[in-house]
Amino acid sequence: MDQPRQVRIQAFQAAQKKKEDQAKELLKKKEREKEEAAKMAAQVAVNGRIASSMKKYWAALSNGEGDVSEVRRFRRKPELGLLV
């Protein structure tokens, strides 16, 4: 009670406003995370479709079939062998 009433009221109002602002920021953050998750899911789906469509091509390259330069490039990079 060593503070004047007006100071206590202002402090209380400031605390309430801070809580409201934090709640709004949390809501915005959750919304952004939801949007990012949706974008990531869409990207994963696209990547899966691309990988499934290229599987036959990669298998042919690993067997030495196809353009000679493409086969060489495929064999030079060991990480591409993991795709098959």
N, C-alpha and C. Protein backbone atom coordinates (compact mmCIF):
# COMPACT_ATOMS: atom_id res chain seq x y z
N MET A 1 0.80 -1.18 0.00
CA MET A 1 0.00 0.00 0.00
C MET A 1 0.86 1.27 0.00
N ASP A 2 2.13 1.09 -0.26
CA ASP A 2 2.99 2.26 -0.29
C ASP A 2 2.89 2.98 -1.63
N GLN A 3 2.21 2.37 -2.63
CA GLN A 3 2.02 3.02 -3.94
C GLN A 3 0.65 3.69 -3.98
N PRO A 4 0.56 4.80 -4.67
CA PRO A 4 -0.75 5.43 -4.81
C PRO A 4 -1.69 4.54 -5.63
N ARG A 5 -2.96 4.72 -5.43
CA ARG A 5 -3.98 3.91 -6.09
C ARG A 5 -3.85 4.00 -7.61
N GLN A 6 -3.64 5.19 -8.14
CA GLN A 6 -3.54 5.38 -9.58
C GLN A 6 -2.37 4.59 -10.16
N VAL A 7 -1.26 4.52 -9.46
CA VAL A 7 -0.08 3.77 -9.94
C VAL A 7 -0.39 2.28 -9.97
N ARG A 8 -1.09 1.80 -8.94
CA ARG A 8 -1.47 0.38 -8.90
C ARG A 8 -2.42 0.05 -10.05
N ILE A 9 -3.36 0.93 -10.32
CA ILE A 9 -4.31 0.72 -11.42
C ILE A 9 -3.58 0.70 -12.75
N GLN A 10 -2.65 1.63 -12.95
CA GLN A 10 -1.89 1.67 -14.19
C GLN A 10 -1.04 0.40 -14.35
N ALA A 11 -0.45 -0.06 -13.25
CA ALA A 11 0.36 -1.28 -13.32
C ALA A 11 -0.52 -2.48 -13.66
N PHE A 12 -1.71 -2.54 -13.06
CA PHE A 12 -2.63 -3.63 -13.35
C PHE A 12 -3.07 -3.60 -14.81
N GLN A 13 -3.41 -2.41 -15.31
CA GLN A 13 -3.82 -2.27 -16.71
C GLN A 13 -2.69 -2.65 -17.65
N ALA A 14 -1.47 -2.26 -17.32
CA ALA A 14 -0.32 -2.61 -18.15
C ALA A 14 -0.12 -4.13 -18.17
N ALA A 15 -0.30 -4.76 -17.01
CA ALA A 15 -0.15 -6.22 -16.95
C ALA A 15 -1.23 -6.91 -17.78
N GLN A 16 -2.47 -6.41 -17.70
CA GLN A 16 -3.56 -6.98 -18.49
C GLN A 16 -3.30 -6.82 -19.98
N LYS A 17 -2.83 -5.64 -20.38
CA LYS A 17 -2.53 -5.40 -21.79
C LYS A 17 -1.40 -6.31 -22.25
N LYS A 18 -0.40 -6.51 -21.41
CA LYS A 18 0.72 -7.38 -21.76
C LYS A 18 0.22 -8.82 -21.95
N LYS A 19 -0.67 -9.28 -21.07
CA LYS A 19 -1.24 -10.62 -21.21
C LYS A 19 -2.00 -10.76 -22.52
N GLU A 20 -2.81 -9.75 -22.84
CA GLU A 20 -3.59 -9.80 -24.07
C GLU A 20 -2.68 -9.82 -25.29
N ASP A 21 -1.63 -9.00 -25.25
CA ASP A 21 -0.69 -8.97 -26.37
C ASP A 21 0.02 -10.30 -26.53
N GLN A 22 0.39 -10.91 -25.42
CA GLN A 22 1.05 -12.21 -25.48
C GLN A 22 0.10 -13.27 -26.03
N ALA A 23 -1.16 -13.21 -25.66
CA ALA A 23 -2.13 -14.17 -26.17
C ALA A 23 -2.32 -13.98 -27.68
N LYS A 24 -2.37 -12.73 -28.13
CA LYS A 24 -2.50 -12.47 -29.57
C LYS A 24 -1.28 -12.97 -30.32
N GLU A 25 -0.10 -12.73 -29.77
CA GLU A 25 1.14 -13.19 -30.41
C GLU A 25 1.17 -14.72 -30.48
N LEU A 26 0.72 -15.37 -29.42
CA LEU A 26 0.69 -16.84 -29.41
C LEU A 26 -0.26 -17.36 -30.48
N LEU A 27 -1.41 -16.71 -30.63
CA LEU A 27 -2.36 -17.10 -31.67
C LEU A 27 -1.76 -16.93 -33.06
N LYS A 28 -1.10 -15.79 -33.28
CA LYS A 28 -0.45 -15.56 -34.57
C LYS A 28 0.63 -16.60 -34.83
N LYS A 29 1.40 -16.92 -33.80
CA LYS A 29 2.48 -17.90 -33.95
C LYS A 29 1.90 -19.27 -34.31
N LYS A 30 0.82 -19.66 -33.64
CA LYS A 30 0.20 -20.95 -33.94
C LYS A 30 -0.34 -20.98 -35.36
N GLU A 31 -0.91 -19.87 -35.80
CA GLU A 31 -1.44 -19.78 -37.17
C GLU A 31 -0.31 -19.91 -38.18
N ARG A 32 0.81 -19.22 -37.93
CA ARG A 32 1.96 -19.32 -38.83
C ARG A 32 2.50 -20.75 -38.87
N GLU A 33 2.57 -21.39 -37.70
CA GLU A 33 3.04 -22.78 -37.65
C GLU A 33 2.11 -23.70 -38.42
N LYS A 34 0.82 -23.46 -38.32
CA LYS A 34 -0.16 -24.27 -39.04
C LYS A 34 0.03 -24.10 -40.55
N GLU A 35 0.23 -22.86 -41.00
CA GLU A 35 0.46 -22.60 -42.42
C GLU A 35 1.75 -23.25 -42.89
N GLU A 36 2.80 -23.16 -42.08
CA GLU A 36 4.08 -23.78 -42.44
C GLU A 36 3.94 -25.30 -42.53
N ALA A 37 3.18 -25.88 -41.61
CA ALA A 37 2.98 -27.33 -41.63
C ALA A 37 2.23 -27.74 -42.90
N ALA A 38 1.25 -26.94 -43.29
CA ALA A 38 0.49 -27.24 -44.51
C ALA A 38 1.40 -27.14 -45.74
N LYS A 39 2.24 -26.11 -45.77
CA LYS A 39 3.18 -25.97 -46.88
C LYS A 39 4.15 -27.14 -46.93
N MET A 40 4.65 -27.55 -45.75
CA MET A 40 5.60 -28.65 -45.69
C MET A 40 4.95 -29.95 -46.15
N ALA A 41 3.71 -30.18 -45.74
CA ALA A 41 3.00 -31.39 -46.16
C ALA A 41 2.80 -31.40 -47.67
N ALA A 42 2.48 -30.25 -48.23
CA ALA A 42 2.31 -30.17 -49.68
C ALA A 42 3.63 -30.44 -50.39
N GLN A 43 4.72 -29.90 -49.86
CA GLN A 43 6.03 -30.12 -50.46
C GLN A 43 6.44 -31.60 -50.37
N VAL A 44 6.16 -32.22 -49.25
CA VAL A 44 6.47 -33.65 -49.10
C VAL A 44 5.68 -34.48 -50.11
N ALA A 45 4.43 -34.12 -50.31
CA ALA A 45 3.60 -34.85 -51.28
C ALA A 45 4.15 -34.69 -52.69
N VAL A 46 4.55 -33.48 -53.04
CA VAL A 46 5.12 -33.24 -54.37
C VAL A 46 6.42 -34.02 -54.54
N ASN A 47 7.27 -33.97 -53.52
CA ASN A 47 8.54 -34.70 -53.59
C ASN A 47 8.31 -36.20 -53.74
N GLY A 48 7.30 -36.72 -53.06
CA GLY A 48 6.99 -38.14 -53.17
C GLY A 48 6.54 -38.51 -54.57
N ARG A 49 5.70 -37.66 -55.16
CA ARG A 49 5.24 -37.94 -56.53
C ARG A 49 6.40 -37.86 -57.52
N ILE A 50 7.29 -36.91 -57.34
CA ILE A 50 8.44 -36.79 -58.23
C ILE A 50 9.33 -38.02 -58.09
N ALA A 51 9.59 -38.41 -56.86
CA ALA A 51 10.46 -39.57 -56.63
C ALA A 51 9.87 -40.84 -57.24
N SER A 52 8.57 -41.02 -57.08
CA SER A 52 7.95 -42.23 -57.64
C SER A 52 7.96 -42.21 -59.16
N SER A 53 7.84 -41.02 -59.75
CA SER A 53 7.85 -40.96 -61.21
C SER A 53 9.26 -41.14 -61.78
N MET A 54 10.29 -40.81 -61.01
CA MET A 54 11.67 -40.90 -61.49
C MET A 54 12.33 -42.25 -61.15
N LYS A 55 11.65 -43.08 -60.38
CA LYS A 55 12.23 -44.35 -59.93
C LYS A 55 12.69 -45.23 -61.10
N LYS A 56 11.86 -45.36 -62.12
CA LYS A 56 12.21 -46.19 -63.28
C LYS A 56 13.43 -45.61 -63.99
N TYR A 57 13.48 -44.30 -64.10
CA TYR A 57 14.61 -43.63 -64.77
C TYR A 57 15.90 -43.90 -64.00
N TRP A 58 15.86 -43.77 -62.68
CA TRP A 58 17.06 -44.01 -61.87
C TRP A 58 17.48 -45.47 -61.94
N ALA A 59 16.51 -46.37 -61.96
CA ALA A 59 16.84 -47.79 -62.07
C ALA A 59 17.52 -48.08 -63.41
N ALA A 60 17.03 -47.46 -64.48
CA ALA A 60 17.64 -47.66 -65.79
C ALA A 60 19.06 -47.10 -65.81
N LEU A 61 19.26 -45.95 -65.21
CA LEU A 61 20.61 -45.38 -65.16
C LEU A 61 21.55 -46.24 -64.35
N SER A 62 21.07 -46.81 -63.27
CA SER A 62 21.95 -47.67 -62.45
C SER A 62 22.31 -48.95 -63.19
N ASN A 63 21.46 -49.39 -64.12
CA ASN A 63 21.75 -50.58 -64.92
C ASN A 63 22.57 -50.25 -66.16
N GLY A 64 22.89 -48.97 -66.35
CA GLY A 64 23.71 -48.58 -67.50
C GLY A 64 22.90 -48.31 -68.75
N GLU A 65 21.61 -48.22 -68.64
CA GLU A 65 20.76 -47.95 -69.79
C GLU A 65 20.52 -46.45 -69.90
N GLY A 66 20.37 -45.96 -71.11
CA GLY A 66 20.09 -44.55 -71.31
C GLY A 66 21.28 -43.82 -71.90
N ASP A 67 21.25 -42.51 -71.85
CA ASP A 67 22.31 -41.66 -72.38
C ASP A 67 23.61 -41.94 -71.63
N VAL A 68 24.70 -42.06 -72.38
CA VAL A 68 26.00 -42.42 -71.79
C VAL A 68 26.46 -41.37 -70.78
N SER A 69 26.31 -40.11 -71.11
CA SER A 69 26.76 -39.07 -70.19
C SER A 69 25.94 -39.06 -68.91
N GLU A 70 24.64 -39.34 -69.02
CA GLU A 70 23.78 -39.41 -67.84
C GLU A 70 24.17 -40.60 -66.97
N VAL A 71 24.49 -41.73 -67.60
CA VAL A 71 24.90 -42.92 -66.85
C VAL A 71 26.20 -42.64 -66.10
N ARG A 72 27.16 -41.99 -66.77
CA ARG A 72 28.43 -41.65 -66.11
C ARG A 72 28.19 -40.73 -64.92
N ARG A 73 27.38 -39.73 -65.14
CA ARG A 73 27.10 -38.78 -64.06
C ARG A 73 26.43 -39.50 -62.89
N PHE A 74 25.51 -40.40 -63.19
CA PHE A 74 24.81 -41.15 -62.15
C PHE A 74 25.79 -42.02 -61.37
N ARG A 75 26.72 -42.66 -62.06
CA ARG A 75 27.67 -43.55 -61.39
C ARG A 75 28.76 -42.80 -60.63
N ARG A 76 29.05 -41.57 -61.05
CA ARG A 76 30.08 -40.78 -60.37
C ARG A 76 29.63 -40.32 -58.99
N LYS A 77 28.36 -40.20 -58.82
CA LYS A 77 27.83 -39.67 -57.55
C LYS A 77 27.20 -40.80 -56.74
N PRO A 78 27.90 -41.27 -55.73
CA PRO A 78 27.40 -42.42 -54.96
C PRO A 78 26.07 -42.16 -54.24
N GLU A 79 25.79 -40.89 -53.90
CA GLU A 79 24.53 -40.60 -53.22
C GLU A 79 23.33 -40.85 -54.12
N LEU A 80 23.52 -40.79 -55.45
CA LEU A 80 22.42 -41.08 -56.37
C LEU A 80 22.09 -42.57 -56.36
N GLY A 81 23.06 -43.40 -56.02
CA GLY A 81 22.81 -44.84 -55.93
C GLY A 81 21.84 -45.17 -54.82
N LEU A 82 21.71 -44.29 -53.84
CA LEU A 82 20.77 -44.53 -52.75
C LEU A 82 19.33 -44.37 -53.19
N LEU A 83 19.12 -43.73 -54.31
CA LEU A 83 17.78 -43.52 -54.82
C LEU A 83 17.15 -44.78 -55.38
N VAL A 84 17.97 -45.72 -55.74
CA VAL A 84 17.48 -46.93 -56.40
C VAL A 84 17.07 -47.96 -55.38
